[in-house]
């Protein structure tokens, strides 16, 4: 069976890994920012919490069927209002992450919210049986963004 590697997975890979890495390299090597752990946290928050949750929230608000059907295998349209509300929350979390790029005082709050949100989502995915390939992907990437945020936060705060 051929597995589909769609736009959703490409966007997640871009926001969790590729774009933060490019931004970190530019910040450190071109702009000579020597606060490497701070730089890692800044860009992981901006892309992983900010842009990722903001765009996910837009998608969930405008097209709740994608999350309901594509990730959770739920076809009943009665869940769409709940998915939309999740989308509204994701838009709000995302805006905090996006704003943290300009307002550095928001960073620890955005990182903490991101860690908590993605960890709880990871745990929920872990206990679900019969995950499809998209949910397995989401489970793995949720754990990875938790670590991307948690490790720099731990280094900074210790």
Protein backbone atom coordinates (compact mmCIF):
# COMPACT_ATOMS: atom_id res chain seq x y z
CA UNK A 1 0.00 0.00 0.00
CA UNK A 2 1.41 3.37 -1.02
CA UNK A 3 1.43 5.91 1.81
CA UNK A 4 0.34 9.44 1.05
CA UNK A 5 2.71 12.14 2.27
CA UNK A 6 0.47 15.14 1.88
CA UNK A 7 0.55 18.86 2.37
CA UNK A 8 -0.35 18.56 6.07
CA UNK A 9 2.75 16.51 6.87
CA UNK A 10 4.98 18.81 4.81
CA UNK A 11 3.66 21.86 6.71
CA UNK A 12 4.29 20.19 10.09
CA UNK A 13 7.84 19.23 9.08
CA UNK A 14 8.48 22.78 7.86
CA UNK A 15 7.12 24.41 11.05
CA UNK A 16 8.69 21.97 13.53
CA UNK A 17 12.08 21.31 11.95
CA UNK A 18 13.08 23.02 8.69
CA UNK A 19 12.09 26.66 9.25
CA UNK A 20 13.31 26.82 12.87
CA UNK A 21 16.66 25.30 11.83
CA UNK A 22 17.09 27.77 8.96
CA UNK A 23 16.17 30.69 11.25
CA UNK A 24 18.54 29.51 13.99
CA UNK A 25 21.41 29.23 11.50
CA UNK A 26 20.70 32.71 10.13
CA UNK A 27 20.38 34.20 13.63
CA UNK A 28 23.61 32.63 14.88
CA UNK A 29 25.89 32.77 11.82
CA UNK A 30 24.68 35.87 9.98
CA UNK A 31 23.42 38.04 12.83
CA UNK A 32 26.08 36.68 15.22
CA UNK A 33 23.63 36.03 18.04
CA UNK A 34 25.65 34.16 20.67
CA UNK A 35 22.71 33.35 22.94
CA UNK A 36 22.18 30.02 21.16
CA UNK A 37 19.73 28.43 23.60
CA UNK A 38 17.61 31.61 23.57
CA UNK A 39 17.72 31.62 19.77
CA UNK A 40 16.62 27.98 19.59
CA UNK A 41 13.74 28.67 21.95
CA UNK A 42 12.71 31.85 20.09
CA UNK A 43 12.42 30.14 16.71
CA UNK A 44 10.89 26.89 18.00
CA UNK A 45 8.20 28.95 19.75
CA UNK A 46 7.57 31.17 16.74
CA UNK A 47 7.20 28.33 14.26
CA UNK A 48 6.16 25.37 16.44
CA UNK A 49 3.71 27.14 18.72
CA UNK A 50 2.98 30.35 16.81
CA UNK A 51 2.62 29.57 13.14
CA UNK A 52 1.80 25.88 13.57
CA UNK A 53 -1.04 26.34 16.05
CA UNK A 54 -2.32 29.47 14.29
CA UNK A 55 -2.54 27.72 10.91
CA UNK A 56 -3.95 24.55 12.52
CA UNK A 57 -6.58 26.70 14.21
CA UNK A 58 -7.54 28.32 10.93
CA UNK A 59 -7.79 24.91 9.26
CA UNK A 60 -9.90 23.50 12.14
CA UNK A 61 -12.18 26.54 12.18
CA UNK A 62 -12.71 26.62 8.43
CA UNK A 63 -12.59 22.88 7.70
CA UNK A 64 -13.34 20.86 10.85
CA UNK A 65 -13.81 17.71 8.77
CA UNK A 66 -10.06 17.48 8.20
CA UNK A 67 -9.28 17.05 11.90
CA UNK A 68 -12.37 15.00 12.70
CA UNK A 69 -12.08 12.60 9.77
CA UNK A 70 -8.41 12.79 8.81
CA UNK A 71 -6.87 12.44 12.26
CA UNK A 72 -9.53 10.90 14.49
CA UNK A 73 -11.55 8.87 11.92
CA UNK A 74 -14.78 10.52 13.14
CA UNK A 75 -17.29 11.03 10.35
CA UNK A 76 -20.21 12.35 12.42
CA UNK A 77 -20.66 16.03 11.60
CA UNK A 78 -22.02 16.66 15.09
CA UNK A 79 -18.39 16.95 16.29
CA UNK A 80 -17.58 19.80 13.90
CA UNK A 81 -18.56 22.60 16.34
CA UNK A 82 -16.20 21.08 18.94
CA UNK A 83 -13.38 20.92 16.40
CA UNK A 84 -14.08 24.55 15.45
CA UNK A 85 -13.77 25.58 19.11
CA UNK A 86 -10.45 23.72 19.31
CA UNK A 87 -9.51 25.78 16.26
CA UNK A 88 -10.37 29.01 18.06
CA UNK A 89 -8.16 27.99 21.00
CA UNK A 90 -5.33 27.08 18.62
CA UNK A 91 -5.61 30.47 16.92
CA UNK A 92 -5.26 32.16 20.33
CA UNK A 93 -2.26 30.01 21.36
CA UNK A 94 -0.73 30.62 17.95
CA UNK A 95 -1.08 34.38 18.27
CA UNK A 96 0.80 34.28 21.58
CA UNK A 97 3.60 32.32 19.90
CA UNK A 98 3.72 34.68 16.93
CA UNK A 99 3.71 37.74 19.18
CA UNK A 100 6.58 36.28 21.21
CA UNK A 101 8.90 36.96 18.28
CA UNK A 102 8.40 40.70 18.82
CA UNK A 103 7.60 40.72 22.54
CA UNK A 104 10.25 38.59 24.21
CA UNK A 105 8.39 38.73 27.55
CA UNK A 106 5.79 36.42 25.97
CA UNK A 107 8.33 33.66 25.22
CA UNK A 108 8.23 31.73 28.48
CA UNK A 109 4.46 31.88 28.56
CA UNK A 110 4.21 30.76 24.94
CA UNK A 111 6.74 27.98 25.52
CA UNK A 112 4.92 26.80 28.65
CA UNK A 113 1.55 26.78 26.88
CA UNK A 114 3.08 24.98 23.91
CA UNK A 115 4.74 22.34 26.08
CA UNK A 116 1.55 21.71 28.03
CA UNK A 117 -0.71 21.66 24.97
CA UNK A 118 1.48 19.39 22.86
CA UNK A 119 2.23 17.08 25.80
CA UNK A 120 -1.46 16.64 26.65
CA UNK A 121 -2.25 16.09 22.96
CA UNK A 122 0.60 13.56 22.77
CA UNK A 123 -0.75 11.69 25.79
CA UNK A 124 -4.27 11.64 24.33
CA UNK A 125 -2.95 10.23 21.06
CA UNK A 126 -0.88 7.63 22.93
CA UNK A 127 -3.88 6.13 24.69
CA UNK A 128 -6.03 5.93 21.56
CA UNK A 129 -6.18 2.55 19.87
CA UNK A 130 -6.23 1.99 16.11
CA UNK A 131 -4.43 5.15 15.04
CA UNK A 132 -4.24 5.87 11.33
CA UNK A 133 -0.93 6.94 9.78
CA UNK A 134 -1.78 10.63 10.16
CA UNK A 135 -2.45 10.24 13.87
CA UNK A 136 0.79 8.29 14.33
CA UNK A 137 2.63 11.15 12.59
CA UNK A 138 0.89 13.71 14.83
CA UNK A 139 1.75 11.68 17.94
CA UNK A 140 5.45 11.57 17.05
CA UNK A 141 5.67 15.22 16.06
CA UNK A 142 3.81 16.33 19.19
CA UNK A 143 6.43 14.61 21.33
CA UNK A 144 9.26 16.10 19.29
CA UNK A 145 8.02 19.69 19.65
CA UNK A 146 7.60 19.15 23.40
CA UNK A 147 11.29 18.20 23.54
CA UNK A 148 12.30 21.08 21.25
CA UNK A 149 10.68 23.50 23.70
CA UNK A 150 11.35 21.70 26.99
CA UNK A 151 15.10 21.20 26.61
CA UNK A 152 15.95 24.89 25.98
CA UNK A 153 13.52 25.98 28.71
CA UNK A 154 15.20 23.59 31.14
CA UNK A 155 18.69 24.85 30.19
CA UNK A 156 17.61 28.50 30.55
CA UNK A 157 15.80 28.04 33.85
CA UNK A 158 18.40 25.83 35.58
